[in-house]
């Protein structure tokens, strides 16, 4: 799509989530929900995107230009831990992305993801209840609540407690830690509770080493 394409104008009108339209009312950047990208990939079938880690604006701009060149939706992300030492953070990523997309003429859909929002102990939950809403106020459109450092049951309970803070329109990901099959901890068949997680439409569950 080009910025003159009527389809792009329609996408801008209906595709941007409410926090983005409030923050950037006159923007021509198609920042969308992570859920919207997930649903589009499922509908297309045999499709995927990447989540580009944006520790600095050079990486972010390069990822956006590559996505535009290949006409591909993309997710821009930064982890909670990285927000403590990188110039890009969970609170300014959306603003930086919106600025770059308008400047570079990016027309592909872009989601803004808060990756690995870590809950390492149950005592972290009260602070998370205060902080998570501020991420969406700052333009985050997708979040990964990572309580995989906790035992499976506590991981699930933490996500159940925090999931109401994620807007229903937003992308929502959880983490279940490592799955090693016959050689290790468990298999999907033996971990139905962990793998189903909170019953939230189109929430994704990532497996892998906690980080």
C-alpha atoms as a PDB file:
ATOM      1  CA  UNK A   1       0.000   0.000   0.000  1.00  0.00           C
ATOM      2  CA  UNK A   2       0.964   3.602  -0.561  1.00  0.00           C
ATOM      3  CA  UNK A   3      -0.151   6.564   1.522  1.00  0.00           C
ATOM      4  CA  UNK A   4      -2.382   7.603  -1.405  1.00  0.00           C
ATOM      5  CA  UNK A   5      -4.095   4.200  -1.563  1.00  0.00           C
ATOM      6  CA  UNK A   6      -7.762   4.349  -0.418  1.00  0.00           C
ATOM      7  CA  UNK A   7      -7.199   1.009   1.344  1.00  0.00           C
ATOM      8  CA  UNK A   8      -4.477   2.628   3.460  1.00  0.00           C
ATOM      9  CA  UNK A   9      -6.797   5.471   4.442  1.00  0.00           C
ATOM     10  CA  UNK A  10      -9.424   2.925   5.477  1.00  0.00           C
ATOM     11  CA  UNK A  11      -6.852   0.928   7.451  1.00  0.00           C
ATOM     12  CA  UNK A  12      -5.817   4.081   9.307  1.00  0.00           C
ATOM     13  CA  UNK A  13      -9.426   4.900  10.080  1.00  0.00           C
ATOM     14  CA  UNK A  14     -10.384   1.515  11.522  1.00  0.00           C
ATOM     15  CA  UNK A  15      -7.121  -0.289  12.315  1.00  0.00           C
ATOM     16  CA  UNK A  16      -5.450   1.859  14.945  1.00  0.00           C
ATOM     17  CA  UNK A  17      -6.332   0.998  18.568  1.00  0.00           C
ATOM     18  CA  UNK A  18      -7.771   3.661  20.879  1.00  0.00           C
ATOM     19  CA  UNK A  19      -4.563   4.457  22.734  1.00  0.00           C
ATOM     20  CA  UNK A  20      -2.762   5.124  19.449  1.00  0.00           C
ATOM     21  CA  UNK A  21      -5.485   7.372  18.050  1.00  0.00           C
ATOM     22  CA  UNK A  22      -5.449   9.319  21.319  1.00  0.00           C
ATOM     23  CA  UNK A  23      -1.666   9.707  21.398  1.00  0.00           C
ATOM     24  CA  UNK A  24      -1.163  10.420  17.690  1.00  0.00           C
ATOM     25  CA  UNK A  25      -4.448  11.809  16.356  1.00  0.00           C
ATOM     26  CA  UNK A  26      -2.968  13.252  13.146  1.00  0.00           C
ATOM     27  CA  UNK A  27      -0.459  10.480  12.435  1.00  0.00           C
ATOM     28  CA  UNK A  28      -0.257   8.560   9.164  1.00  0.00           C
ATOM     29  CA  UNK A  29       1.489   5.608  10.828  1.00  0.00           C
ATOM     30  CA  UNK A  30      -0.452   2.334  10.829  1.00  0.00           C
ATOM     31  CA  UNK A  31       0.310   1.200  14.374  1.00  0.00           C
ATOM     32  CA  UNK A  32      -2.013  -1.691  15.183  1.00  0.00           C
ATOM     33  CA  UNK A  33      -2.716  -4.190  17.930  1.00  0.00           C
ATOM     34  CA  UNK A  34      -0.532  -7.250  18.200  1.00  0.00           C
ATOM     35  CA  UNK A  35      -3.781  -9.214  18.218  1.00  0.00           C
ATOM     36  CA  UNK A  36      -4.662  -7.795  14.782  1.00  0.00           C
ATOM     37  CA  UNK A  37      -1.374  -9.036  13.326  1.00  0.00           C
ATOM     38  CA  UNK A  38      -1.836 -12.445  14.955  1.00  0.00           C
ATOM     39  CA  UNK A  39      -5.336 -12.788  13.503  1.00  0.00           C
ATOM     40  CA  UNK A  40      -4.186 -11.677  10.049  1.00  0.00           C
ATOM     41  CA  UNK A  41      -1.409 -14.276  10.022  1.00  0.00           C
ATOM     42  CA  UNK A  42      -3.824 -17.002  11.080  1.00  0.00           C
ATOM     43  CA  UNK A  43      -6.307 -15.972   8.404  1.00  0.00           C
ATOM     44  CA  UNK A  44      -3.643 -15.929   5.678  1.00  0.00           C
ATOM     45  CA  UNK A  45      -2.219 -19.280   6.746  1.00  0.00           C
ATOM     46  CA  UNK A  46       1.403 -20.428   6.496  1.00  0.00           C
ATOM     47  CA  UNK A  47       2.469 -16.907   7.413  1.00  0.00           C
ATOM     48  CA  UNK A  48       4.687 -15.397  10.062  1.00  0.00           C
ATOM     49  CA  UNK A  49       6.249 -12.131  11.095  1.00  0.00           C
ATOM     50  CA  UNK A  50       9.205 -11.200  13.273  1.00  0.00           C
ATOM     51  CA  UNK A  51       9.435  -9.306  16.534  1.00  0.00           C
ATOM     52  CA  UNK A  52      12.382  -6.953  16.094  1.00  0.00           C
ATOM     53  CA  UNK A  53      14.177  -6.040  19.297  1.00  0.00           C
ATOM     54  CA  UNK A  54      14.571  -2.249  19.223  1.00  0.00           C
ATOM     55  CA  UNK A  55      17.298  -1.447  21.717  1.00  0.00           C
ATOM     56  CA  UNK A  56      18.140   1.652  19.680  1.00  0.00           C
ATOM     57  CA  UNK A  57      16.527   3.734  16.959  1.00  0.00           C
ATOM     58  CA  UNK A  58      18.966   2.516  14.292  1.00  0.00           C
ATOM     59  CA  UNK A  59      17.724  -1.058  14.630  1.00  0.00           C
ATOM     60  CA  UNK A  60      14.116   0.136  14.742  1.00  0.00           C
ATOM     61  CA  UNK A  61      14.460   2.164  11.558  1.00  0.00           C
ATOM     62  CA  UNK A  62      16.264  -0.657   9.768  1.00  0.00           C
ATOM     63  CA  UNK A  63      13.553  -3.128  10.741  1.00  0.00           C
ATOM     64  CA  UNK A  64      10.832  -0.760   9.540  1.00  0.00           C
ATOM     65  CA  UNK A  65      12.540  -0.208   6.191  1.00  0.00           C
ATOM     66  CA  UNK A  66      12.996  -3.962   5.715  1.00  0.00           C
ATOM     67  CA  UNK A  67       9.329  -4.581   6.534  1.00  0.00           C
ATOM     68  CA  UNK A  68       8.263  -1.886   4.053  1.00  0.00           C
ATOM     69  CA  UNK A  69      10.511  -3.294   1.340  1.00  0.00           C
ATOM     70  CA  UNK A  70       9.034  -6.774   1.749  1.00  0.00           C
ATOM     71  CA  UNK A  71       5.460  -5.537   2.332  1.00  0.00           C
ATOM     72  CA  UNK A  72       5.323  -7.396   5.640  1.00  0.00           C
ATOM     73  CA  UNK A  73       3.686  -6.625   8.957  1.00  0.00           C
ATOM     74  CA  UNK A  74       6.168  -6.379  11.805  1.00  0.00           C
ATOM     75  CA  UNK A  75       6.263  -6.245  15.602  1.00  0.00           C
ATOM     76  CA  UNK A  76       8.643  -3.815  17.293  1.00  0.00           C
ATOM     77  CA  UNK A  77       9.537  -4.868  20.815  1.00  0.00           C
ATOM     78  CA  UNK A  78      11.576  -3.996  23.866  1.00  0.00           C
ATOM     79  CA  UNK A  79      11.803  -6.042  27.061  1.00  0.00           C
ATOM     80  CA  UNK A  80      11.110  -4.671  30.500  1.00  0.00           C
ATOM     81  CA  UNK A  81      14.680  -5.371  31.622  1.00  0.00           C
ATOM     82  CA  UNK A  82      16.108  -3.616  28.545  1.00  0.00           C
ATOM     83  CA  UNK A  83      14.054  -0.538  29.338  1.00  0.00           C
ATOM     84  CA  UNK A  84      16.366   0.010  32.313  1.00  0.00           C
ATOM     85  CA  UNK A  85      19.537   0.536  30.265  1.00  0.00           C
ATOM     86  CA  UNK A  86      18.555   1.236  26.628  1.00  0.00           C
ATOM     87  CA  UNK A  87      17.627   4.573  25.093  1.00  0.00           C
ATOM     88  CA  UNK A  88      14.456   2.904  23.810  1.00  0.00           C
ATOM     89  CA  UNK A  89      12.027   1.821  26.517  1.00  0.00           C
ATOM     90  CA  UNK A  90       8.523   0.425  26.867  1.00  0.00           C
ATOM     91  CA  UNK A  91       7.343   4.004  27.471  1.00  0.00           C
ATOM     92  CA  UNK A  92       8.862   5.711  24.417  1.00  0.00           C
ATOM     93  CA  UNK A  93       8.916   2.941  21.792  1.00  0.00           C
ATOM     94  CA  UNK A  94       5.515   3.872  20.367  1.00  0.00           C
ATOM     95  CA  UNK A  95       6.446   7.554  20.080  1.00  0.00           C
ATOM     96  CA  UNK A  96       9.760   6.758  18.392  1.00  0.00           C
ATOM     97  CA  UNK A  97       8.064   4.287  16.041  1.00  0.00           C
ATOM     98  CA  UNK A  98       5.312   6.732  15.104  1.00  0.00           C
ATOM     99  CA  UNK A  99       7.876   9.432  14.347  1.00  0.00           C
ATOM    100  CA  UNK A 100      10.028   7.093  12.235  1.00  0.00           C
ATOM    101  CA  UNK A 101       7.067   5.623  10.339  1.00  0.00           C
ATOM    102  CA  UNK A 102       5.816   9.059   9.330  1.00  0.00           C
ATOM    103  CA  UNK A 103       9.305  10.228   8.397  1.00  0.00           C
ATOM    104  CA  UNK A 104      10.180   7.114   6.358  1.00  0.00           C
ATOM    105  CA  UNK A 105       6.782   6.677   4.716  1.00  0.00           C
ATOM    106  CA  UNK A 106       6.108   3.275   6.301  1.00  0.00           C
ATOM    107  CA  UNK A 107       2.664   1.929   5.392  1.00  0.00           C
ATOM    108  CA  UNK A 108       2.822  -1.684   6.607  1.00  0.00           C
ATOM    109  CA  UNK A 109       1.058  -2.595   9.891  1.00  0.00           C
ATOM    110  CA  UNK A 110       3.289  -2.324  12.962  1.00  0.00           C
ATOM    111  CA  UNK A 111       2.573  -3.551  16.494  1.00  0.00           C
ATOM    112  CA  UNK A 112       4.349  -2.174  19.580  1.00  0.00           C
ATOM    113  CA  UNK A 113       5.184  -4.986  22.023  1.00  0.00           C
ATOM    114  CA  UNK A 114       6.305  -4.916  25.655  1.00  0.00           C
ATOM    115  CA  UNK A 115       8.289  -8.149  25.779  1.00  0.00           C
ATOM    116  CA  UNK A 116       9.116 -10.234  28.857  1.00  0.00           C
ATOM    117  CA  UNK A 117       7.273  -8.162  31.424  1.00  0.00           C
ATOM    118  CA  UNK A 118       8.852 -10.230  34.158  1.00  0.00           C
ATOM    119  CA  UNK A 119       7.104 -11.432  37.298  1.00  0.00           C
ATOM    120  CA  UNK A 120       9.818 -13.279  39.210  1.00  0.00           C
ATOM    121  CA  UNK A 121       7.997 -13.537  42.530  1.00  0.00           C
ATOM    122  CA  UNK A 122       4.403 -13.104  43.641  1.00  0.00           C
ATOM    123  CA  UNK A 123       5.417  -9.934  45.481  1.00  0.00           C
ATOM    124  CA  UNK A 124       5.974  -8.322  42.049  1.00  0.00           C
ATOM    125  CA  UNK A 125       2.265  -8.447  41.228  1.00  0.00           C
ATOM    126  CA  UNK A 126       1.075  -5.325  43.140  1.00  0.00           C
ATOM    127  CA  UNK A 127       3.649  -3.119  41.385  1.00  0.00           C
ATOM    128  CA  UNK A 128       2.726  -4.699  38.043  1.00  0.00           C
ATOM    129  CA  UNK A 129      -0.899  -3.724  38.605  1.00  0.00           C
ATOM    130  CA  UNK A 130       0.207  -0.109  38.766  1.00  0.00           C
ATOM    131  CA  UNK A 131       2.778  -0.222  35.969  1.00  0.00           C
ATOM    132  CA  UNK A 132       1.070  -2.257  33.242  1.00  0.00           C
ATOM    133  CA  UNK A 133      -1.688   0.313  32.591  1.00  0.00           C
ATOM    134  CA  UNK A 134       0.986   2.989  32.068  1.00  0.00           C
ATOM    135  CA  UNK A 135       2.443   0.950  29.205  1.00  0.00           C
ATOM    136  CA  UNK A 136      -0.806   1.080  27.276  1.00  0.00           C
ATOM    137  CA  UNK A 137      -1.138   4.773  28.080  1.00  0.00           C
ATOM    138  CA  UNK A 138       2.287   5.201  26.425  1.00  0.00           C
ATOM    139  CA  UNK A 139       1.276   3.361  23.235  1.00  0.00           C
ATOM    140  CA  UNK A 140       2.053  -0.303  23.809  1.00  0.00           C
ATOM    141  CA  UNK A 141      -0.326  -2.473  21.731  1.00  0.00           C
ATOM    142  CA  UNK A 142       0.823  -5.931  22.864  1.00  0.00           C
ATOM    143  CA  UNK A 143       2.412  -7.378  25.996  1.00  0.00           C
ATOM    144  CA  UNK A 144       4.097 -10.562  27.172  1.00  0.00           C
ATOM    145  CA  UNK A 145       3.508 -11.192  30.868  1.00  0.00           C
ATOM    146  CA  UNK A 146       6.373 -13.507  31.759  1.00  0.00           C
ATOM    147  CA  UNK A 147       5.880 -15.275  35.077  1.00  0.00           C
ATOM    148  CA  UNK A 148       7.719 -18.388  33.906  1.00  0.00           C
ATOM    149  CA  UNK A 149      10.261 -18.052  36.727  1.00  0.00           C
ATOM    150  CA  UNK A 150       7.454 -19.128  39.067  1.00  0.00           C
ATOM    151  CA  UNK A 151       6.107 -22.668  39.448  1.00  0.00           C
ATOM    152  CA  UNK A 152       3.502 -23.479  36.799  1.00  0.00           C
ATOM    153  CA  UNK A 153       0.501 -22.978  39.066  1.00  0.00           C
ATOM    154  CA  UNK A 154       1.745 -19.610  40.335  1.00  0.00           C
ATOM    155  CA  UNK A 155       2.584 -18.582  36.772  1.00  0.00           C
ATOM    156  CA  UNK A 156      -0.992 -19.300  35.744  1.00  0.00           C
ATOM    157  CA  UNK A 157      -2.449 -17.533  38.784  1.00  0.00           C
ATOM    158  CA  UNK A 158      -0.271 -14.461  38.187  1.00  0.00           C
ATOM    159  CA  UNK A 159      -1.517 -14.221  34.604  1.00  0.00           C
ATOM    160  CA  UNK A 160      -5.123 -14.672  35.677  1.00  0.00           C
ATOM    161  CA  UNK A 161      -4.687 -11.827  38.163  1.00  0.00           C
ATOM    162  CA  UNK A 162      -2.932  -9.484  35.727  1.00  0.00           C
ATOM    163  CA  UNK A 163      -4.799 -10.281  32.502  1.00  0.00           C
ATOM    164  CA  UNK A 164      -7.699  -7.874  33.277  1.00  0.00           C
ATOM    165  CA  UNK A 165      -5.167  -5.029  33.019  1.00  0.00           C
ATOM    166  CA  UNK A 166      -4.557  -5.879  29.348  1.00  0.00           C
ATOM    167  CA  UNK A 167      -7.151  -4.193  27.115  1.00  0.00           C
ATOM    168  CA  UNK A 168      -9.322  -6.676  25.242  1.00  0.00           C
ATOM    169  CA  UNK A 169      -8.166  -5.236  21.918  1.00  0.00           C
ATOM    170  CA  UNK A 170      -4.450  -5.732  22.734  1.00  0.00           C
ATOM    171  CA  UNK A 171      -2.107  -8.610  21.989  1.00  0.00           C
ATOM    172  CA  UNK A 172      -1.419 -10.774  25.039  1.00  0.00           C
ATOM    173  CA  UNK A 173       1.338 -13.374  25.360  1.00  0.00           C
ATOM    174  CA  UNK A 174       2.324 -15.612  28.251  1.00  0.00           C
ATOM    175  CA  UNK A 175       5.396 -17.742  28.946  1.00  0.00           C
ATOM    176  CA  UNK A 176       5.514 -21.314  30.195  1.00  0.00           C
ATOM    177  CA  UNK A 177       9.284 -21.755  30.463  1.00  0.00           C
ATOM    178  CA  UNK A 178      11.075 -24.774  29.044  1.00  0.00           C
ATOM    179  CA  UNK A 179       9.424 -27.766  27.395  1.00  0.00           C
ATOM    180  CA  UNK A 180      11.939 -30.518  26.683  1.00  0.00           C
ATOM    181  CA  UNK A 181       9.709 -33.440  25.803  1.00  0.00           C
ATOM    182  CA  UNK A 182      11.078 -36.900  26.498  1.00  0.00           C
ATOM    183  CA  UNK A 183      14.485 -35.531  27.495  1.00  0.00           C
ATOM    184  CA  UNK A 184      13.361 -33.109  30.140  1.00  0.00           C
ATOM    185  CA  UNK A 185      10.629 -31.336  32.015  1.00  0.00           C
ATOM    186  CA  UNK A 186       7.358 -32.063  30.274  1.00  0.00           C
ATOM    187  CA  UNK A 187       5.438 -32.383  27.046  1.00  0.00           C
ATOM    188  CA  UNK A 188       2.362 -30.450  25.890  1.00  0.00           C
ATOM    189  CA  UNK A 189       0.254 -33.544  26.565  1.00  0.00           C
ATOM    190  CA  UNK A 190       1.395 -33.649  30.169  1.00  0.00           C
ATOM    191  CA  UNK A 191       1.044 -29.906  30.739  1.00  0.00           C
ATOM    192  CA  UNK A 192      -2.522 -29.049  29.760  1.00  0.00           C
ATOM    193  CA  UNK A 193      -2.987 -26.375  32.416  1.00  0.00           C
ATOM    194  CA  UNK A 194       0.189 -24.508  31.550  1.00  0.00           C
ATOM    195  CA  UNK A 195      -0.422 -24.660  27.834  1.00  0.00           C
ATOM    196  CA  UNK A 196      -4.020 -23.576  27.910  1.00  0.00           C
ATOM    197  CA  UNK A 197      -3.326 -20.703  30.277  1.00  0.00           C
ATOM    198  CA  UNK A 198      -5.928 -18.034  30.993  1.00  0.00           C
ATOM    199  CA  UNK A 199      -8.886 -18.448  28.654  1.00  0.00           C
ATOM    200  CA  UNK A 200      -8.282 -15.263  26.692  1.00  0.00           C
ATOM    201  CA  UNK A 201      -9.087 -15.137  22.931  1.00  0.00           C
ATOM    202  CA  UNK A 202      -6.034 -15.171  20.645  1.00  0.00           C
ATOM    203  CA  UNK A 203      -3.545 -14.940  23.500  1.00  0.00           C
ATOM    204  CA  UNK A 204      -0.329 -16.621  22.469  1.00  0.00           C
ATOM    205  CA  UNK A 205       1.881 -18.823  24.617  1.00  0.00           C
ATOM    206  CA  UNK A 206       5.613 -18.878  24.059  1.00  0.00           C
ATOM    207  CA  UNK A 207       7.887 -21.687  25.110  1.00  0.00           C
ATOM    208  CA  UNK A 208      11.591 -21.364  25.700  1.00  0.00           C
ATOM    209  CA  UNK A 209      14.117 -20.489  28.343  1.00  0.00           C
ATOM    210  CA  UNK A 210      12.926 -17.766  30.706  1.00  0.00           C
ATOM    211  CA  UNK A 211      14.840 -14.511  30.221  1.00  0.00           C
END
